PDB file of all heavy atoms in Angstrom:
ATOM      1  N   TYR A   1      -7.970  -9.780 -13.940  1.00  0.00           N
ATOM      2  CA  TYR A   1      -7.064 -10.494 -13.054  1.00  0.00           C
ATOM      3  C   TYR A   1      -7.480 -10.245 -11.607  1.00  0.00           C
ATOM      4  O   TYR A   1      -8.135  -9.248 -11.299  1.00  0.00           O
ATOM      5  CB  TYR A   1      -5.626 -10.016 -13.246  1.00  0.00           C
ATOM      6  CG  TYR A   1      -5.094 -10.230 -14.637  1.00  0.00           C
ATOM      7  CD1 TYR A   1      -5.109  -9.189 -15.566  1.00  0.00           C
ATOM      8  CD2 TYR A   1      -4.594 -11.468 -15.043  1.00  0.00           C
ATOM      9  CE1 TYR A   1      -4.628  -9.376 -16.855  1.00  0.00           C
ATOM     10  CE2 TYR A   1      -4.111 -11.662 -16.327  1.00  0.00           C
ATOM     11  CZ  TYR A   1      -4.127 -10.608 -17.223  1.00  0.00           C
ATOM     12  OH  TYR A   1      -3.651 -10.803 -18.497  1.00  0.00           O
ATOM     13  N   LYS A   2      -7.079 -11.155 -10.735  1.00  0.00           N
ATOM     14  CA  LYS A   2      -7.324 -11.007  -9.299  1.00  0.00           C
ATOM     15  C   LYS A   2      -6.015 -10.630  -8.613  1.00  0.00           C
ATOM     16  O   LYS A   2      -5.016 -11.330  -8.751  1.00  0.00           O
ATOM     17  CB  LYS A   2      -7.873 -12.299  -8.703  1.00  0.00           C
ATOM     18  CG  LYS A   2      -8.177 -12.212  -7.201  1.00  0.00           C
ATOM     19  CD  LYS A   2      -8.591 -13.564  -6.624  1.00  0.00           C
ATOM     20  CE  LYS A   2      -9.989 -13.938  -7.049  1.00  0.00           C
ATOM     21  NZ  LYS A   2     -10.467 -15.162  -6.341  1.00  0.00           N
ATOM     22  N   LEU A   3      -6.030  -9.522  -7.886  1.00  0.00           N
ATOM     23  CA  LEU A   3      -4.869  -9.064  -7.136  1.00  0.00           C
ATOM     24  C   LEU A   3      -5.120  -9.208  -5.643  1.00  0.00           C
ATOM     25  O   LEU A   3      -6.251  -9.061  -5.181  1.00  0.00           O
ATOM     26  CB  LEU A   3      -4.569  -7.590  -7.415  1.00  0.00           C
ATOM     27  CG  LEU A   3      -4.269  -7.109  -8.823  1.00  0.00           C
ATOM     28  CD1 LEU A   3      -3.897  -5.628  -8.778  1.00  0.00           C
ATOM     29  CD2 LEU A   3      -3.160  -7.908  -9.453  1.00  0.00           C
ATOM     30  N   GLN A   4      -4.068  -9.447  -4.888  1.00  0.00           N
ATOM     31  CA  GLN A   4      -4.120  -9.355  -3.432  1.00  0.00           C
ATOM     32  C   GLN A   4      -3.437  -8.064  -3.012  1.00  0.00           C
ATOM     33  O   GLN A   4      -2.267  -7.846  -3.329  1.00  0.00           O
ATOM     34  CB  GLN A   4      -3.430 -10.540  -2.769  1.00  0.00           C
ATOM     35  CG  GLN A   4      -3.428 -10.470  -1.243  1.00  0.00           C
ATOM     36  CD  GLN A   4      -2.893 -11.736  -0.614  1.00  0.00           C
ATOM     37  OE1 GLN A   4      -3.631 -12.683  -0.368  1.00  0.00           O
ATOM     38  NE2 GLN A   4      -1.609 -11.760  -0.359  1.00  0.00           N
ATOM     39  N   CYS A   5      -4.162  -7.210  -2.305  1.00  0.00           N
ATOM     40  CA  CYS A   5      -3.588  -5.926  -1.926  1.00  0.00           C
ATOM     41  C   CYS A   5      -2.557  -6.104  -0.818  1.00  0.00           C
ATOM     42  O   CYS A   5      -2.527  -7.103  -0.103  1.00  0.00           O
ATOM     43  CB  CYS A   5      -4.678  -4.940  -1.512  1.00  0.00           C
ATOM     44  SG  CYS A   5      -5.302  -5.121   0.167  1.00  0.00           S
ATOM     45  N   GLU A   6      -1.695  -5.121  -0.689  1.00  0.00           N
ATOM     46  CA  GLU A   6      -0.695  -5.106   0.374  1.00  0.00           C
ATOM     47  C   GLU A   6      -1.354  -4.805   1.719  1.00  0.00           C
ATOM     48  O   GLU A   6      -2.542  -4.485   1.801  1.00  0.00           O
ATOM     49  CB  GLU A   6       0.368  -4.048   0.058  1.00  0.00           C
ATOM     50  CG  GLU A   6       1.191  -4.352  -1.181  1.00  0.00           C
ATOM     51  CD  GLU A   6       1.994  -5.633  -1.051  1.00  0.00           C
ATOM     52  OE1 GLU A   6       2.755  -5.770  -0.062  1.00  0.00           O
ATOM     53  OE2 GLU A   6       1.864  -6.505  -1.931  1.00  0.00           O
ATOM     54  N   LEU A   7      -0.575  -4.907   2.779  1.00  0.00           N
ATOM     55  CA  LEU A   7      -1.066  -4.637   4.126  1.00  0.00           C
ATOM     56  C   LEU A   7      -0.343  -3.433   4.721  1.00  0.00           C
ATOM     57  O   LEU A   7       0.839  -3.228   4.432  1.00  0.00           O
ATOM     58  CB  LEU A   7      -0.853  -5.866   5.017  1.00  0.00           C
ATOM     59  CG  LEU A   7      -1.710  -7.085   4.695  1.00  0.00           C
ATOM     60  CD1 LEU A   7      -1.278  -8.270   5.543  1.00  0.00           C
ATOM     61  CD2 LEU A   7      -3.191  -6.787   4.910  1.00  0.00           C
ATOM     62  N   PRO A   8      -1.035  -2.683   5.576  1.00  0.00           N
ATOM     63  CA  PRO A   8      -2.441  -2.828   5.945  1.00  0.00           C
ATOM     64  C   PRO A   8      -3.356  -2.449   4.786  1.00  0.00           C
ATOM     65  O   PRO A   8      -3.002  -1.602   3.970  1.00  0.00           O
ATOM     66  CB  PRO A   8      -2.606  -1.857   7.118  1.00  0.00           C
ATOM     67  CG  PRO A   8      -1.565  -0.813   6.893  1.00  0.00           C
ATOM     68  CD  PRO A   8      -0.403  -1.523   6.267  1.00  0.00           C
ATOM     69  N   SER A   9      -4.515  -3.099   4.744  1.00  0.00           N
ATOM     70  CA  SER A   9      -5.449  -2.874   3.641  1.00  0.00           C
ATOM     71  C   SER A   9      -6.243  -1.587   3.886  1.00  0.00           C
ATOM     72  O   SER A   9      -7.453  -1.603   4.113  1.00  0.00           O
ATOM     73  CB  SER A   9      -6.384  -4.072   3.480  1.00  0.00           C
ATOM     74  OG  SER A   9      -7.008  -4.410   4.709  1.00  0.00           O
ATOM     75  N   MET A  10      -5.506  -0.478   3.824  1.00  0.00           N
ATOM     76  CA  MET A  10      -6.070   0.852   4.048  1.00  0.00           C
ATOM     77  C   MET A  10      -5.711   1.757   2.876  1.00  0.00           C
ATOM     78  O   MET A  10      -4.743   1.500   2.153  1.00  0.00           O
ATOM     79  CB  MET A  10      -5.529   1.437   5.358  1.00  0.00           C
ATOM     80  CG  MET A  10      -5.826   0.567   6.572  1.00  0.00           C
ATOM     81  SD  MET A  10      -5.077   1.207   8.081  1.00  0.00           S
ATOM     82  CE  MET A  10      -6.127   2.635   8.354  1.00  0.00           C
ATOM     83  N   SER A  11      -6.441   2.842   2.741  1.00  0.00           N
ATOM     84  CA  SER A  11      -6.385   3.622   1.507  1.00  0.00           C
ATOM     85  C   SER A  11      -5.054   4.329   1.274  1.00  0.00           C
ATOM     86  O   SER A  11      -4.374   4.092   0.274  1.00  0.00           O
ATOM     87  CB  SER A  11      -7.520   4.650   1.490  1.00  0.00           C
ATOM     88  OG  SER A  11      -8.766   4.001   1.350  1.00  0.00           O
ATOM     89  N   ARG A  12      -4.669   5.241   2.159  1.00  0.00           N
ATOM     90  CA  ARG A  12      -3.481   6.040   1.872  1.00  0.00           C
ATOM     91  C   ARG A  12      -2.227   5.170   1.704  1.00  0.00           C
ATOM     92  O   ARG A  12      -1.439   5.401   0.780  1.00  0.00           O
ATOM     93  CB  ARG A  12      -3.253   7.119   2.931  1.00  0.00           C
ATOM     94  CG  ARG A  12      -2.297   8.213   2.431  1.00  0.00           C
ATOM     95  CD  ARG A  12      -1.857   9.178   3.530  1.00  0.00           C
ATOM     96  NE  ARG A  12      -2.912   9.926   4.132  1.00  0.00           N
ATOM     97  CZ  ARG A  12      -3.076  11.253   4.048  1.00  0.00           C
ATOM     98  NH1 ARG A  12      -2.232  11.968   3.316  1.00  0.00           N
ATOM     99  NH2 ARG A  12      -4.042  11.866   4.687  1.00  0.00           N
ATOM    100  N   PRO A  13      -2.015   4.140   2.561  1.00  0.00           N
ATOM    101  CA  PRO A  13      -0.863   3.274   2.334  1.00  0.00           C
ATOM    102  C   PRO A  13      -0.883   2.595   0.968  1.00  0.00           C
ATOM    103  O   PRO A  13       0.173   2.399   0.341  1.00  0.00           O
ATOM    104  CB  PRO A  13      -0.974   2.243   3.466  1.00  0.00           C
ATOM    105  CG  PRO A  13      -1.703   2.961   4.546  1.00  0.00           C
ATOM    106  CD  PRO A  13      -2.702   3.818   3.833  1.00  0.00           C
ATOM    107  N   LEU A  14      -2.072   2.250   0.477  1.00  0.00           N
ATOM    108  CA  LEU A  14      -2.154   1.522  -0.792  1.00  0.00           C
ATOM    109  C   LEU A  14      -2.146   2.457  -1.986  1.00  0.00           C
ATOM    110  O   LEU A  14      -1.737   2.053  -3.075  1.00  0.00           O
ATOM    111  CB  LEU A  14      -3.380   0.605  -0.794  1.00  0.00           C
ATOM    112  CG  LEU A  14      -3.303  -0.486   0.275  1.00  0.00           C
ATOM    113  CD1 LEU A  14      -4.558  -1.347   0.277  1.00  0.00           C
ATOM    114  CD2 LEU A  14      -2.065  -1.369   0.090  1.00  0.00           C
ATOM    115  N   TYR A  15      -2.559   3.707  -1.816  1.00  0.00           N
ATOM    116  CA  TYR A  15      -2.322   4.672  -2.895  1.00  0.00           C
ATOM    117  C   TYR A  15      -0.819   4.748  -3.172  1.00  0.00           C
ATOM    118  O   TYR A  15      -0.373   4.712  -4.319  1.00  0.00           O
ATOM    119  CB  TYR A  15      -2.810   6.076  -2.513  1.00  0.00           C
ATOM    120  CG  TYR A  15      -4.260   6.232  -2.174  1.00  0.00           C
ATOM    121  CD1 TYR A  15      -4.701   7.377  -1.505  1.00  0.00           C
ATOM    122  CD2 TYR A  15      -5.215   5.272  -2.504  1.00  0.00           C
ATOM    123  CE1 TYR A  15      -6.035   7.561  -1.191  1.00  0.00           C
ATOM    124  CE2 TYR A  15      -6.548   5.444  -2.178  1.00  0.00           C
ATOM    125  CZ  TYR A  15      -6.957   6.595  -1.511  1.00  0.00           C
ATOM    126  OH  TYR A  15      -8.275   6.772  -1.188  1.00  0.00           O
ATOM    127  N   GLU A  16      -0.057   4.853  -2.092  1.00  0.00           N
ATOM    128  CA  GLU A  16       1.394   4.932  -2.217  1.00  0.00           C
ATOM    129  C   GLU A  16       1.961   3.646  -2.811  1.00  0.00           C
ATOM    130  O   GLU A  16       2.863   3.684  -3.660  1.00  0.00           O
ATOM    131  CB  GLU A  16       2.002   5.217  -0.841  1.00  0.00           C
ATOM    132  CG  GLU A  16       3.505   5.193  -0.781  1.00  0.00           C
ATOM    133  CD  GLU A  16       4.186   6.475  -1.276  1.00  0.00           C
ATOM    134  OE1 GLU A  16       3.568   7.213  -2.071  1.00  0.00           O
ATOM    135  OE2 GLU A  16       5.326   6.734  -0.862  1.00  0.00           O
ATOM    136  N   ALA A  17       1.449   2.488  -2.382  1.00  0.00           N
ATOM    137  CA  ALA A  17       1.940   1.214  -2.912  1.00  0.00           C
ATOM    138  C   ALA A  17       1.695   1.101  -4.412  1.00  0.00           C
ATOM    139  O   ALA A  17       2.578   0.677  -5.171  1.00  0.00           O
ATOM    140  CB  ALA A  17       1.269   0.052  -2.176  1.00  0.00           C
ATOM    141  N   ILE A  18       0.505   1.494  -4.867  1.00  0.00           N
ATOM    142  CA  ILE A  18       0.176   1.402  -6.288  1.00  0.00           C
ATOM    143  C   ILE A  18       1.019   2.374  -7.107  1.00  0.00           C
ATOM    144  O   ILE A  18       1.544   2.019  -8.161  1.00  0.00           O
ATOM    145  CB  ILE A  18      -1.328   1.684  -6.498  1.00  0.00           C
ATOM    146  CG1 ILE A  18      -2.167   0.536  -5.922  1.00  0.00           C
ATOM    147  CG2 ILE A  18      -1.646   1.865  -7.984  1.00  0.00           C
ATOM    148  CD1 ILE A  18      -3.654   0.843  -5.854  1.00  0.00           C
ATOM    149  N   LEU A  19       1.182   3.585  -6.623  1.00  0.00           N
ATOM    150  CA  LEU A  19       1.865   4.622  -7.403  1.00  0.00           C
ATOM    151  C   LEU A  19       3.382   4.522  -7.339  1.00  0.00           C
ATOM    152  O   LEU A  19       4.070   5.071  -8.207  1.00  0.00           O
ATOM    153  CB  LEU A  19       1.418   6.006  -6.938  1.00  0.00           C
ATOM    154  CG  LEU A  19       0.204   6.634  -7.640  1.00  0.00           C
ATOM    155  CD1 LEU A  19       0.512   6.911  -9.104  1.00  0.00           C
ATOM    156  CD2 LEU A  19      -1.042   5.770  -7.532  1.00  0.00           C
ATOM    157  N   THR A  20       3.932   3.802  -6.337  1.00  0.00           N
ATOM    158  CA  THR A  20       5.390   3.718  -6.197  1.00  0.00           C
ATOM    159  C   THR A  20       5.946   2.308  -6.300  1.00  0.00           C
ATOM    160  O   THR A  20       7.147   2.142  -6.509  1.00  0.00           O
ATOM    161  CB  THR A  20       5.854   4.306  -4.846  1.00  0.00           C
ATOM    162  OG1 THR A  20       5.427   3.441  -3.780  1.00  0.00           O
ATOM    163  CG2 THR A  20       5.314   5.706  -4.645  1.00  0.00           C
ATOM    164  N   GLY A  21       5.108   1.294  -6.110  1.00  0.00           N
ATOM    165  CA  GLY A  21       5.608  -0.075  -6.086  1.00  0.00           C
ATOM    166  C   GLY A  21       6.323  -0.431  -4.801  1.00  0.00           C
ATOM    167  O   GLY A  21       7.045  -1.436  -4.748  1.00  0.00           O
ATOM    168  N   VAL A  22       6.142   0.360  -3.745  1.00  0.00           N
ATOM    169  CA  VAL A  22       6.805   0.139  -2.459  1.00  0.00           C
ATOM    170  C   VAL A  22       5.755  -0.236  -1.415  1.00  0.00           C
ATOM    171  O   VAL A  22       4.743   0.467  -1.262  1.00  0.00           O
ATOM    172  CB  VAL A  22       7.578   1.395  -2.016  1.00  0.00           C
ATOM    173  CG1 VAL A  22       8.229   1.180  -0.647  1.00  0.00           C
ATOM    174  CG2 VAL A  22       8.627   1.767  -3.056  1.00  0.00           C
ATOM    175  N   ALA A  23       5.981  -1.327  -0.681  1.00  0.00           N
ATOM    176  CA  ALA A  23       5.041  -1.785   0.335  1.00  0.00           C
ATOM    177  C   ALA A  23       4.920  -0.748   1.458  1.00  0.00           C
ATOM    178  O   ALA A  23       5.890  -0.050   1.778  1.00  0.00           O
ATOM    179  CB  ALA A  23       5.497  -3.116   0.910  1.00  0.00           C
ATOM    180  N   PRO A  24       3.752  -0.654   2.086  1.00  0.00           N
ATOM    181  CA  PRO A  24       3.560   0.348   3.136  1.00  0.00           C
ATOM    182  C   PRO A  24       4.591   0.303   4.254  1.00  0.00           C
ATOM    183  O   PRO A  24       5.052   1.351   4.717  1.00  0.00           O
ATOM    184  CB  PRO A  24       2.145   0.044   3.647  1.00  0.00           C
ATOM    185  CG  PRO A  24       1.431  -0.489   2.440  1.00  0.00           C
ATOM    186  CD  PRO A  24       2.472  -1.315   1.735  1.00  0.00           C
ATOM    187  N   VAL A  25       4.971  -0.895   4.699  1.00  0.00           N
ATOM    188  CA  VAL A  25       5.932  -0.964   5.800  1.00  0.00           C
ATOM    189  C   VAL A  25       7.296  -0.424   5.393  1.00  0.00           C
ATOM    190  O   VAL A  25       8.108  -0.065   6.247  1.00  0.00           O
ATOM    191  CB  VAL A  25       6.076  -2.408   6.329  1.00  0.00           C
ATOM    192  CG1 VAL A  25       4.785  -2.872   6.972  1.00  0.00           C
ATOM    193  CG2 VAL A  25       6.495  -3.369   5.228  1.00  0.00           C
ATOM    194  N   ASN A  26       7.559  -0.351   4.101  1.00  0.00           N
ATOM    195  CA  ASN A  26       8.827   0.202   3.615  1.00  0.00           C
ATOM    196  C   ASN A  26       8.720   1.673   3.229  1.00  0.00           C
ATOM    197  O   ASN A  26       9.709   2.412   3.293  1.00  0.00           O
ATOM    198  CB  ASN A  26       9.330  -0.609   2.426  1.00  0.00           C
ATOM    199  CG  ASN A  26       9.683  -2.038   2.816  1.00  0.00           C
ATOM    200  OD1 ASN A  26      10.194  -2.278   3.908  1.00  0.00           O
ATOM    201  ND2 ASN A  26       9.399  -2.985   1.932  1.00  0.00           N
ATOM    202  N   SER A  27       7.528   2.111   2.822  1.00  0.00           N
ATOM    203  CA  SER A  27       7.348   3.521   2.459  1.00  0.00           C
ATOM    204  C   SER A  27       7.146   4.406   3.676  1.00  0.00           C
ATOM    205  O   SER A  27       7.386   5.613   3.623  1.00  0.00           O
ATOM    206  CB  SER A  27       6.146   3.688   1.524  1.00  0.00           C
ATOM    207  OG  SER A  27       4.919   3.510   2.233  1.00  0.00           O
ATOM    208  N   GLY A  28       6.685   3.802   4.772  1.00  0.00           N
ATOM    209  CA  GLY A  28       6.374   4.581   5.963  1.00  0.00           C
ATOM    210  C   GLY A  28       4.966   5.134   5.981  1.00  0.00           C
ATOM    211  O   GLY A  28       4.526   5.691   6.985  1.00  0.00           O
ATOM    212  N   ILE A  29       4.236   4.984   4.891  1.00  0.00           N
ATOM    213  CA  ILE A  29       2.821   5.385   4.861  1.00  0.00           C
ATOM    214  C   ILE A  29       2.018   4.170   5.328  1.00  0.00           C
ATOM    215  O   ILE A  29       1.567   3.352   4.532  1.00  0.00           O
ATOM    216  CB  ILE A  29       2.388   5.825   3.446  1.00  0.00           C
ATOM    217  CG1 ILE A  29       3.334   6.880   2.883  1.00  0.00           C
ATOM    218  CG2 ILE A  29       0.948   6.352   3.479  1.00  0.00           C
ATOM    219  CD1 ILE A  29       3.332   8.204   3.611  1.00  0.00           C
ATOM    220  N   VAL A  30       1.851   4.033   6.643  1.00  0.00           N
ATOM    221  CA  VAL A  30       1.317   2.802   7.218  1.00  0.00           C
ATOM    222  C   VAL A  30      -0.096   2.948   7.757  1.00  0.00           C
ATOM    223  O   VAL A  30      -0.689   1.959   8.202  1.00  0.00           O
ATOM    224  CB  VAL A  30       2.251   2.272   8.328  1.00  0.00           C
ATOM    225  CG1 VAL A  30       3.565   1.792   7.735  1.00  0.00           C
ATOM    226  CG2 VAL A  30       2.505   3.339   9.395  1.00  0.00           C
ATOM    227  N   HIS A  31      -0.651   4.158   7.733  1.00  0.00           N
ATOM    228  CA  HIS A  31      -2.056   4.337   8.087  1.00  0.00           C
ATOM    229  C   HIS A  31      -2.554   5.622   7.447  1.00  0.00           C
ATOM    230  O   HIS A  31      -1.774   6.423   6.901  1.00  0.00           O
ATOM    231  CB  HIS A  31      -2.275   4.329   9.607  1.00  0.00           C
ATOM    232  CG  HIS A  31      -1.475   5.354  10.353  1.00  0.00           C
ATOM    233  ND1 HIS A  31      -1.794   6.705  10.362  1.00  0.00           N
ATOM    234  CD2 HIS A  31      -0.364   5.224  11.116  1.00  0.00           C
ATOM    235  CE1 HIS A  31      -0.932   7.360  11.102  1.00  0.00           C
ATOM    236  NE2 HIS A  31      -0.037   6.487  11.575  1.00  0.00           N
ATOM    237  N   ASN A  32      -3.850   5.825   7.518  1.00  0.00           N
ATOM    238  CA  ASN A  32      -4.453   6.930   6.774  1.00  0.00           C
ATOM    239  C   ASN A  32      -4.123   8.310   7.340  1.00  0.00           C
ATOM    240  O   ASN A  32      -4.294   9.318   6.647  1.00  0.00           O
ATOM    241  CB  ASN A  32      -5.974   6.754   6.724  1.00  0.00           C
ATOM    242  CG  ASN A  32      -6.392   5.648   5.766  1.00  0.00           C
ATOM    243  OD1 ASN A  32      -5.632   5.266   4.884  1.00  0.00           O
ATOM    244  ND2 ASN A  32      -7.602   5.131   5.959  1.00  0.00           N
TER     245      ASN A  32
END
């Protein structure tokens, strides 16, 4: 399947997005 990653397209915010289902702007993990 093809996925579109959340923004910002950076590592630590997206680790959190994948493991929690919460977008970076809502988790507060918005940069590395």
